[in-house]
Amino acid sequence: MMTDAFLAQVVLTDYPSPTVLANLKRNASTAIPASLSTHYSIQGHEWGALDNSPFNTSHAHHFSRILAADCLWMPDQHANLVHSMLHFLTLDAEGRVFCTAGFHTGRAKLAAFFDVAAESGLVVEEVYEEDAEGVRREWRVERDGGREDHTERKRWLVIARLKRRS
């Protein structure tokens, strides 16, 4: 059972556009029971921009868990995303980043994220692929010599758990 202390620390973020944040608020109010509405907050955050808001500066190394869902599709933003992850992730050895992303934009884009993460101070503890039926398979940077069927590829997600390098 989750405690109130745990729930009070939940923060949902997205790009700090009024339109994007309004959509996130609508989605949260639909998906999260009203009884929990005081246990989460919604904040705008631009990856890599860490000193531009009171939230960013006051929450440095604050979170023990970071969930990144479908955030790996923009290779030009991987370094900024990892920079934000490291900024917000606790310095405690138990801190973890959980990532999940679909292959709809291509396997190479997702694979590039893990390279940037490793170069920047995150270690992949576990990474695998899973489909909508719960079937797991080994993560591969490339499948079928790079000729992976696009329709088949879209059935799968990459799921990873990362931590700070010791």
C-alpha atoms as a PDB file:
ATOM      1  CA  MET A   1       0.000   0.000   0.000  1.00  0.00           C
ATOM      2  CA  MET A   2       1.309   3.448  -0.900  1.00  0.00           C
ATOM      3  CA  THR A   3       1.683   5.943   1.901  1.00  0.00           C
ATOM      4  CA  ASP A   4       0.602   9.578   1.761  1.00  0.00           C
ATOM      5  CA  ALA A   5       4.278  10.562   1.965  1.00  0.00           C
ATOM      6  CA  PHE A   6       4.998   8.610  -1.209  1.00  0.00           C
ATOM      7  CA  LEU A   7       1.993   9.977  -3.061  1.00  0.00           C
ATOM      8  CA  ALA A   8       2.840  13.555  -2.104  1.00  0.00           C
ATOM      9  CA  GLN A   9       6.036  13.268  -4.139  1.00  0.00           C
ATOM     10  CA  VAL A  10       4.447  12.382  -7.491  1.00  0.00           C
ATOM     11  CA  VAL A  11       5.060  14.984 -10.182  1.00  0.00           C
ATOM     12  CA  LEU A  12       3.891  14.718 -13.786  1.00  0.00           C
ATOM     13  CA  THR A  13       5.876  16.789 -16.272  1.00  0.00           C
ATOM     14  CA  ASP A  14       5.751  17.676 -19.925  1.00  0.00           C
ATOM     15  CA  TYR A  15       7.004  20.452 -22.180  1.00  0.00           C
ATOM     16  CA  PRO A  16       6.110  23.822 -20.603  1.00  0.00           C
ATOM     17  CA  SER A  17       3.588  24.877 -23.232  1.00  0.00           C
ATOM     18  CA  PRO A  18       0.199  26.004 -21.878  1.00  0.00           C
ATOM     19  CA  THR A  19      -1.566  23.786 -24.419  1.00  0.00           C
ATOM     20  CA  VAL A  20       0.527  20.715 -23.592  1.00  0.00           C
ATOM     21  CA  LEU A  21       0.139  21.212 -19.840  1.00  0.00           C
ATOM     22  CA  ALA A  22      -3.627  21.754 -20.148  1.00  0.00           C
ATOM     23  CA  ASN A  23      -3.861  18.444 -22.003  1.00  0.00           C
ATOM     24  CA  LEU A  24      -1.771  16.717 -19.320  1.00  0.00           C
ATOM     25  CA  LYS A  25      -4.057  18.149 -16.620  1.00  0.00           C
ATOM     26  CA  ARG A  26      -7.141  16.886 -18.462  1.00  0.00           C
ATOM     27  CA  ASN A  27      -5.610  13.428 -18.890  1.00  0.00           C
ATOM     28  CA  ALA A  28      -4.550  13.270 -15.243  1.00  0.00           C
ATOM     29  CA  SER A  29      -7.981  14.311 -13.976  1.00  0.00           C
ATOM     30  CA  THR A  30      -9.552  11.595 -16.134  1.00  0.00           C
ATOM     31  CA  ALA A  31      -7.101   8.818 -15.224  1.00  0.00           C
ATOM     32  CA  ILE A  32      -6.391   9.555 -11.557  1.00  0.00           C
ATOM     33  CA  PRO A  33      -9.191   9.261  -8.998  1.00  0.00           C
ATOM     34  CA  ALA A  34     -10.312  12.606  -7.578  1.00  0.00           C
ATOM     35  CA  SER A  35      -9.474  11.327  -4.082  1.00  0.00           C
ATOM     36  CA  LEU A  36      -5.784  11.414  -5.085  1.00  0.00           C
ATOM     37  CA  SER A  37      -5.823  14.870  -6.677  1.00  0.00           C
ATOM     38  CA  THR A  38      -3.945  16.445  -3.785  1.00  0.00           C
ATOM     39  CA  HIS A  39      -1.185  13.823  -3.998  1.00  0.00           C
ATOM     40  CA  TYR A  40       0.304  14.815  -7.333  1.00  0.00           C
ATOM     41  CA  SER A  41       1.277  17.968  -9.143  1.00  0.00           C
ATOM     42  CA  ILE A  42       1.853  18.902 -12.752  1.00  0.00           C
ATOM     43  CA  GLN A  43       4.895  20.907 -13.765  1.00  0.00           C
ATOM     44  CA  GLY A  44       6.249  22.127 -17.045  1.00  0.00           C
ATOM     45  CA  HIS A  45       9.832  21.155 -17.746  1.00  0.00           C
ATOM     46  CA  GLU A  46      12.062  21.643 -20.759  1.00  0.00           C
ATOM     47  CA  TRP A  47      14.743  18.963 -20.850  1.00  0.00           C
ATOM     48  CA  GLY A  48      18.172  20.342 -20.039  1.00  0.00           C
ATOM     49  CA  ALA A  49      16.833  23.719 -18.837  1.00  0.00           C
ATOM     50  CA  LEU A  50      17.490  23.329 -15.145  1.00  0.00           C
ATOM     51  CA  ASP A  51      17.767  26.817 -13.706  1.00  0.00           C
ATOM     52  CA  ASN A  52      14.765  28.435 -15.347  1.00  0.00           C
ATOM     53  CA  SER A  53      12.099  27.715 -12.706  1.00  0.00           C
ATOM     54  CA  PRO A  54      11.722  27.405  -8.943  1.00  0.00           C
ATOM     55  CA  PHE A  55      10.530  23.806  -9.405  1.00  0.00           C
ATOM     56  CA  ASN A  56      13.690  22.799 -11.271  1.00  0.00           C
ATOM     57  CA  THR A  57      16.062  24.399  -8.807  1.00  0.00           C
ATOM     58  CA  SER A  58      14.235  23.259  -5.662  1.00  0.00           C
ATOM     59  CA  HIS A  59      13.941  19.629  -6.799  1.00  0.00           C
ATOM     60  CA  ALA A  60      17.556  18.883  -7.691  1.00  0.00           C
ATOM     61  CA  HIS A  61      18.334  15.255  -6.720  1.00  0.00           C
ATOM     62  CA  HIS A  62      14.879  15.003  -5.160  1.00  0.00           C
ATOM     63  CA  PHE A  63      13.259  11.973  -6.800  1.00  0.00           C
ATOM     64  CA  SER A  64      14.022   8.323  -6.118  1.00  0.00           C
ATOM     65  CA  ARG A  65      12.109   7.175  -9.212  1.00  0.00           C
ATOM     66  CA  ILE A  66      11.795   8.774 -12.618  1.00  0.00           C
ATOM     67  CA  LEU A  67       9.472   7.333 -15.236  1.00  0.00           C
ATOM     68  CA  ALA A  68      10.181   8.350 -18.837  1.00  0.00           C
ATOM     69  CA  ALA A  69       7.411   7.162 -21.145  1.00  0.00           C
ATOM     70  CA  ASP A  70       7.854   7.562 -24.905  1.00  0.00           C
ATOM     71  CA  CYS A  71      10.549  10.217 -24.497  1.00  0.00           C
ATOM     72  CA  LEU A  72      13.342   8.625 -26.536  1.00  0.00           C
ATOM     73  CA  TRP A  73      12.257   9.463 -30.096  1.00  0.00           C
ATOM     74  CA  MET A  74      14.250  12.714 -30.513  1.00  0.00           C
ATOM     75  CA  PRO A  75      17.978  11.952 -30.729  1.00  0.00           C
ATOM     76  CA  ASP A  76      18.846  15.653 -30.753  1.00  0.00           C
ATOM     77  CA  GLN A  77      17.295  15.881 -27.258  1.00  0.00           C
ATOM     78  CA  HIS A  78      18.858  12.760 -25.696  1.00  0.00           C
ATOM     79  CA  ALA A  79      21.645  14.706 -23.960  1.00  0.00           C
ATOM     80  CA  ASN A  80      19.144  17.213 -22.541  1.00  0.00           C
ATOM     81  CA  LEU A  81      16.846  14.411 -21.377  1.00  0.00           C
ATOM     82  CA  VAL A  82      19.698  12.598 -19.618  1.00  0.00           C
ATOM     83  CA  HIS A  83      20.888  15.884 -18.101  1.00  0.00           C
ATOM     84  CA  SER A  84      17.405  16.400 -16.621  1.00  0.00           C
ATOM     85  CA  MET A  85      17.254  12.824 -15.381  1.00  0.00           C
ATOM     86  CA  LEU A  86      20.565  13.195 -13.570  1.00  0.00           C
ATOM     87  CA  HIS A  87      19.499  16.574 -12.165  1.00  0.00           C
ATOM     88  CA  PHE A  88      16.263  15.276 -10.645  1.00  0.00           C
ATOM     89  CA  LEU A  89      17.398  11.756  -9.675  1.00  0.00           C
ATOM     90  CA  THR A  90      18.477  11.339  -6.065  1.00  0.00           C
ATOM     91  CA  LEU A  91      22.165  10.873  -5.331  1.00  0.00           C
ATOM     92  CA  ASP A  92      21.156   7.842  -3.241  1.00  0.00           C
ATOM     93  CA  ALA A  93      22.325   4.564  -4.781  1.00  0.00           C
ATOM     94  CA  GLU A  94      18.721   3.308  -4.760  1.00  0.00           C
ATOM     95  CA  GLY A  95      17.510   5.922  -7.272  1.00  0.00           C
ATOM     96  CA  ARG A  96      16.272   4.533 -10.599  1.00  0.00           C
ATOM     97  CA  VAL A  97      15.088   5.767 -13.977  1.00  0.00           C
ATOM     98  CA  PHE A  98      12.512   3.615 -15.759  1.00  0.00           C
ATOM     99  CA  CYS A  99      12.117   4.105 -19.510  1.00  0.00           C
ATOM    100  CA  THR A 100       9.628   2.671 -21.931  1.00  0.00           C
ATOM    101  CA  ALA A 101       9.293   3.592 -25.582  1.00  0.00           C
ATOM    102  CA  GLY A 102       7.761   2.265 -28.761  1.00  0.00           C
ATOM    103  CA  PHE A 103       9.751   1.576 -31.893  1.00  0.00           C
ATOM    104  CA  HIS A 104       7.434   3.613 -34.119  1.00  0.00           C
ATOM    105  CA  THR A 105      10.204   6.122 -34.890  1.00  0.00           C
ATOM    106  CA  GLY A 106      12.829   3.451 -35.413  1.00  0.00           C
ATOM    107  CA  ARG A 107      15.074   1.256 -33.343  1.00  0.00           C
ATOM    108  CA  ALA A 108      18.233   3.299 -34.027  1.00  0.00           C
ATOM    109  CA  LYS A 109      16.792   6.411 -32.367  1.00  0.00           C
ATOM    110  CA  LEU A 110      16.056   4.509 -29.180  1.00  0.00           C
ATOM    111  CA  ALA A 111      19.421   2.758 -29.168  1.00  0.00           C
ATOM    112  CA  ALA A 112      21.173   6.119 -29.428  1.00  0.00           C
ATOM    113  CA  PHE A 113      19.578   7.190 -26.137  1.00  0.00           C
ATOM    114  CA  PHE A 114      21.278   4.355 -24.251  1.00  0.00           C
ATOM    115  CA  ASP A 115      24.654   5.387 -25.690  1.00  0.00           C
ATOM    116  CA  VAL A 116      24.167   8.982 -24.532  1.00  0.00           C
ATOM    117  CA  ALA A 117      22.963   7.817 -21.121  1.00  0.00           C
ATOM    118  CA  ALA A 118      26.053   5.621 -20.658  1.00  0.00           C
ATOM    119  CA  GLU A 119      28.395   8.424 -21.729  1.00  0.00           C
ATOM    120  CA  SER A 120      26.698  10.815 -19.283  1.00  0.00           C
ATOM    121  CA  GLY A 121      26.699   8.750 -16.104  1.00  0.00           C
ATOM    122  CA  LEU A 122      23.753   6.353 -16.224  1.00  0.00           C
ATOM    123  CA  VAL A 123      24.120   2.583 -16.243  1.00  0.00           C
ATOM    124  CA  VAL A 124      21.553   0.264 -17.795  1.00  0.00           C
ATOM    125  CA  GLU A 125      20.662  -2.355 -15.178  1.00  0.00           C
ATOM    126  CA  GLU A 126      18.096  -4.103 -17.310  1.00  0.00           C
ATOM    127  CA  VAL A 127      16.758  -3.640 -20.822  1.00  0.00           C
ATOM    128  CA  TYR A 128      14.421  -5.834 -22.827  1.00  0.00           C
ATOM    129  CA  GLU A 129      11.633  -5.719 -25.375  1.00  0.00           C
ATOM    130  CA  GLU A 130       8.014  -6.566 -24.629  1.00  0.00           C
ATOM    131  CA  ASP A 131       4.878  -6.709 -26.747  1.00  0.00           C
ATOM    132  CA  ALA A 132       1.263  -5.917 -25.805  1.00  0.00           C
ATOM    133  CA  GLU A 133       0.692  -9.546 -24.840  1.00  0.00           C
ATOM    134  CA  GLY A 134       3.504  -9.472 -22.266  1.00  0.00           C
ATOM    135  CA  VAL A 135       5.897 -11.535 -24.365  1.00  0.00           C
ATOM    136  CA  ARG A 136       9.473 -10.539 -23.581  1.00  0.00           C
ATOM    137  CA  ARG A 137      12.523 -10.856 -25.739  1.00  0.00           C
ATOM    138  CA  GLU A 138      16.123  -9.711 -25.650  1.00  0.00           C
ATOM    139  CA  TRP A 139      16.829  -6.061 -26.450  1.00  0.00           C
ATOM    140  CA  ARG A 140      18.789  -5.660 -29.641  1.00  0.00           C
ATOM    141  CA  VAL A 141      20.211  -2.520 -31.165  1.00  0.00           C
ATOM    142  CA  GLU A 142      19.482  -4.020 -34.564  1.00  0.00           C
ATOM    143  CA  ARG A 143      17.226  -6.840 -35.759  1.00  0.00           C
ATOM    144  CA  ASP A 144      17.229  -8.682 -39.061  1.00  0.00           C
ATOM    145  CA  GLY A 145      20.336  -6.908 -40.305  1.00  0.00           C
ATOM    146  CA  GLY A 146      18.542  -3.565 -40.109  1.00  0.00           C
ATOM    147  CA  ARG A 147      15.715  -4.790 -42.332  1.00  0.00           C
ATOM    148  CA  GLU A 148      13.209  -5.232 -39.520  1.00  0.00           C
ATOM    149  CA  ASP A 149       9.591  -5.211 -40.719  1.00  0.00           C
ATOM    150  CA  HIS A 150       8.019  -1.873 -39.742  1.00  0.00           C
ATOM    151  CA  THR A 151       4.650  -3.375 -38.834  1.00  0.00           C
ATOM    152  CA  GLU A 152       6.262  -6.043 -36.662  1.00  0.00           C
ATOM    153  CA  ARG A 153       8.575  -3.485 -35.046  1.00  0.00           C
ATOM    154  CA  LYS A 154       5.628  -1.342 -33.924  1.00  0.00           C
ATOM    155  CA  ARG A 155       4.284  -4.223 -31.817  1.00  0.00           C
ATOM    156  CA  TRP A 156       7.200  -3.946 -29.392  1.00  0.00           C
ATOM    157  CA  LEU A 157       8.396  -1.615 -26.657  1.00  0.00           C
ATOM    158  CA  VAL A 158      11.835  -1.234 -25.177  1.00  0.00           C
ATOM    159  CA  ILE A 159      11.736  -1.240 -21.381  1.00  0.00           C
ATOM    160  CA  ALA A 160      14.776  -0.287 -19.333  1.00  0.00           C
ATOM    161  CA  ARG A 161      15.871   0.378 -15.771  1.00  0.00           C
ATOM    162  CA  LEU A 162      18.842   2.701 -15.279  1.00  0.00           C
ATOM    163  CA  LYS A 163      20.784   3.980 -12.285  1.00  0.00           C
ATOM    164  CA  ARG A 164      23.606   6.418 -11.629  1.00  0.00           C
ATOM    165  CA  ARG A 165      27.090   5.144 -12.321  1.00  0.00           C
ATOM    166  CA  SER A 166      28.815   4.460  -8.968  1.00  0.00           C
END
